[in-house]
Structure formats: C-alpha cells, structure tokens
C-alpha atoms as a PDB file:
ATOM      1  CA  GLY A   1     108.549  87.970 115.516  1.00  0.00           C
ATOM      2  CA  PRO A   2     110.871  88.466 112.474  1.00  0.00           C
ATOM      3  CA  GLU A   3     111.685  92.223 111.247  1.00  0.00           C
ATOM      4  CA  VAL A   4     109.683  92.465 108.104  1.00  0.00           C
ATOM      5  CA  ARG A   5     110.848  95.177 105.619  1.00  0.00           C
ATOM      6  CA  SER A   6     109.688  96.128 102.108  1.00  0.00           C
ATOM      7  CA  GLY A   7     111.829  95.769  99.172  1.00  0.00           C
ATOM      8  CA  ASP A   8     113.397  98.446  97.022  1.00  0.00           C
ATOM      9  CA  ILE A   9     111.017 100.885  95.572  1.00  0.00           C
ATOM     10  CA  THR A  10     111.801 103.890  92.980  1.00  0.00           C
ATOM     11  CA  GLU A  11     113.889 106.489  94.415  1.00  0.00           C
ATOM     12  CA  GLY A  12     111.493 108.837  96.116  1.00  0.00           C
ATOM     13  CA  GLY A  13     109.171 106.210  96.893  1.00  0.00           C
ATOM     14  CA  VAL A  14     105.413 105.777  95.739  1.00  0.00           C
ATOM     15  CA  PHE A  15     102.698 108.091  96.889  1.00  0.00           C
ATOM     16  CA  LEU A  16      99.509 106.305  97.691  1.00  0.00           C
ATOM     17  CA  ASN A  17      96.194 107.956  98.009  1.00  0.00           C
ATOM     18  CA  LYS A  18      93.363 106.407 100.042  1.00  0.00           C
ATOM     19  CA  GLY A  19      91.863 103.508  98.409  1.00  0.00           C
ATOM     20  CA  ASP A  20      94.918 102.950  96.187  1.00  0.00           C
ATOM     21  CA  ILE A  21      95.712  99.048  95.663  1.00  0.00           C
ATOM     22  CA  PHE A  22      99.278  98.134  96.776  1.00  0.00           C
ATOM     23  CA  THR A  23     100.710  94.693  96.695  1.00  0.00           C
ATOM     24  CA  PHE A  24     103.484  92.969  98.812  1.00  0.00           C
ATOM     25  CA  THR A  25     105.101  89.873  97.317  1.00  0.00           C
ATOM     26  CA  VAL A  26     107.544  87.075  98.234  1.00  0.00           C
ATOM     27  CA  ASP A  27     107.837  86.198  94.770  1.00  0.00           C
ATOM     28  CA  TYR A  28     111.559  87.547  94.134  1.00  0.00           C
ATOM     29  CA  SER A  29     111.187  87.609  90.542  1.00  0.00           C
ATOM     30  CA  VAL A  30     109.086  90.474  90.580  1.00  0.00           C
ATOM     31  CA  ILE A  31     110.816  94.093  89.672  1.00  0.00           C
ATOM     32  CA  SER A  32     109.608  96.327  92.622  1.00  0.00           C
ATOM     33  CA  ASP A  33     107.437  99.035  91.310  1.00  0.00           C
ATOM     34  CA  ALA A  34     108.344  98.602  87.661  1.00  0.00           C
ATOM     35  CA  GLN A  35     106.602 100.888  85.297  1.00  0.00           C
ATOM     36  CA  GLY A  36     104.678 102.503  88.050  1.00  0.00           C
ATOM     37  CA  GLN A  37     103.010  99.066  89.408  1.00  0.00           C
ATOM     38  CA  HIS A  38     102.174  99.444  93.041  1.00  0.00           C
ATOM     39  CA  ARG A  39     104.061  96.390  94.178  1.00  0.00           C
ATOM     40  CA  THR A  40     107.178  95.461  96.046  1.00  0.00           C
ATOM     41  CA  THR A  41     108.869  92.568  97.387  1.00  0.00           C
ATOM     42  CA  VAL A  42     108.923  91.736 101.206  1.00  0.00           C
ATOM     43  CA  ASN A  43     111.968  90.163 102.838  1.00  0.00           C
ATOM     44  CA  TYR A  44     110.307  87.546 104.647  1.00  0.00           C
ATOM     45  CA  ASP A  45     109.002  84.385 103.189  1.00  0.00           C
ATOM     46  CA  GLY A  46     106.556  83.677 105.743  1.00  0.00           C
ATOM     47  CA  PHE A  47     104.848  87.094 105.295  1.00  0.00           C
ATOM     48  CA  VAL A  48     101.910  85.612 103.487  1.00  0.00           C
ATOM     49  CA  ASP A  49     101.195  82.973 106.242  1.00  0.00           C
ATOM     50  CA  ASP A  50     101.322  85.384 108.952  1.00  0.00           C
ATOM     51  CA  VAL A  51      98.913  87.928 107.830  1.00  0.00           C
ATOM     52  CA  GLN A  52      94.976  87.580 107.319  1.00  0.00           C
ATOM     53  CA  VAL A  53      92.392  89.319 105.161  1.00  0.00           C
ATOM     54  CA  ASP A  54      90.957  92.443 106.552  1.00  0.00           C
ATOM     55  CA  ASP A  55      94.345  92.914 108.826  1.00  0.00           C
ATOM     56  CA  VAL A  56      95.834  96.292 108.656  1.00  0.00           C
ATOM     57  CA  LEU A  57      99.451  96.505 108.024  1.00  0.00           C
ATOM     58  CA  LEU A  58     101.491  99.538 109.602  1.00  0.00           C
ATOM     59  CA  VAL A  59     104.296 100.928 107.653  1.00  0.00           C
ATOM     60  CA  ASP A  60     107.080 102.147 110.068  1.00  0.00           C
ATOM     61  CA  GLY A  61     104.692 102.155 113.036  1.00  0.00           C
ATOM     62  CA  GLY A  62     101.829 103.895 111.575  1.00  0.00           C
ATOM     63  CA  LEU A  63     103.117 106.409 109.005  1.00  0.00           C
ATOM     64  CA  LEU A  64     100.949 104.395 106.434  1.00  0.00           C
ATOM     65  CA  SER A  65      98.342 101.802 107.189  1.00  0.00           C
ATOM     66  CA  LEU A  66      96.959  99.369 104.426  1.00  0.00           C
ATOM     67  CA  ARG A  67      94.217  96.961 104.828  1.00  0.00           C
ATOM     68  CA  ILE A  68      94.566  93.541 103.513  1.00  0.00           C
ATOM     69  CA  LEU A  69      91.965  92.807 100.704  1.00  0.00           C
ATOM     70  CA  SER A  70      93.148  89.547  99.544  1.00  0.00           C
ATOM     71  CA  LYS A  71      96.246  87.253  99.005  1.00  0.00           C
ATOM     72  CA  THR A  72      97.683  84.413  97.098  1.00  0.00           C
ATOM     73  CA  ALA A  73     100.476  81.828  97.716  1.00  0.00           C
ATOM     74  CA  THR A  74     102.878  84.827  97.054  1.00  0.00           C
ATOM     75  CA  ASP A  75     100.938  88.091  97.112  1.00  0.00           C
ATOM     76  CA  VAL A  76      99.480  90.162  99.669  1.00  0.00           C
ATOM     77  CA  VAL A  77      96.800  92.822  97.996  1.00  0.00           C
ATOM     78  CA  CYS A  78      96.270  95.899 100.184  1.00  0.00           C
ATOM     79  CA  GLU A  79      94.335  99.081 100.273  1.00  0.00           C
ATOM     80  CA  ALA A  80      95.603 102.166 101.417  1.00  0.00           C
ATOM     81  CA  LEU A  81      93.813 103.620 104.430  1.00  0.00           C
ATOM     82  CA  GLU A  82      95.010 107.130 104.085  1.00  0.00           C
ATOM     83  CA  ASP A  83      97.407 109.195 101.764  1.00  0.00           C
ATOM     84  CA  GLY A  84     101.034 108.538 102.328  1.00  0.00           C
ATOM     85  CA  ARG A  85     104.423 107.628 100.759  1.00  0.00           C
ATOM     86  CA  LEU A  86     105.769 104.374 100.767  1.00  0.00           C
ATOM     87  CA  THR A  87     109.547 104.345 100.188  1.00  0.00           C
ATOM     88  CA  SER A  88     112.220 101.383 100.283  1.00  0.00           C
ATOM     89  CA  ARG A  89     113.053  99.101 102.969  1.00  0.00           C
ATOM     90  CA  ARG A  90     110.077 100.239 105.376  1.00  0.00           C
ATOM     91  CA  HIS A  91     109.499  98.253 108.308  1.00  0.00           C
ATOM     92  CA  LEU A  92     105.870  96.502 108.302  1.00  0.00           C
ATOM     93  CA  ASN A  93     103.953  95.034 111.079  1.00  0.00           C
END
C-alpha cells in the first residue's frame, strides 16, 4: 500500500502520555500541532477511508501505538496506548 507519513510537528515532537488524544487529519489547512493541539496532517488523502474505528495505528513500526476512537470525513481521532514521542514525518501503518 501507500507509504503514509505524518506531517510536520513542532521541533522536538509531541510527548503523548497513555490515554492522550491525538488527531490525524487530511485537511491541509490545519496548522500541525499549533498552540499545543495534538494534531497533525497525513500525506495520504485516502487515510481516513483506509482505517476503521478500533484499529491500532503503529508509528514507525511500533515505537508508539494509537487506537482509533472515531473518524470524520477529514479526521482520525486516536488515543495513545502508551507513553511516547511523536515527531515529524513518521511512518504510520
């Protein structure tokens, strides 16, 4: 399938604690992680259609995992399953 990567995130990344909510979006008008919002863009427009609620997203093959709680036409809302840092342009699967 396509190589899916997260967008640019504040330098140093975002530290997520277990249970924190993070949103991936295909709405490119969103400023990634502006004002500490836990969100970033994804470089693949079909991302929302390819994932389902309760799927687990692996960041860089499992350095961090997030469970999908809900989705809209443009957003995928996830919960961190453990503590970890999310940095720019990470591989998602």
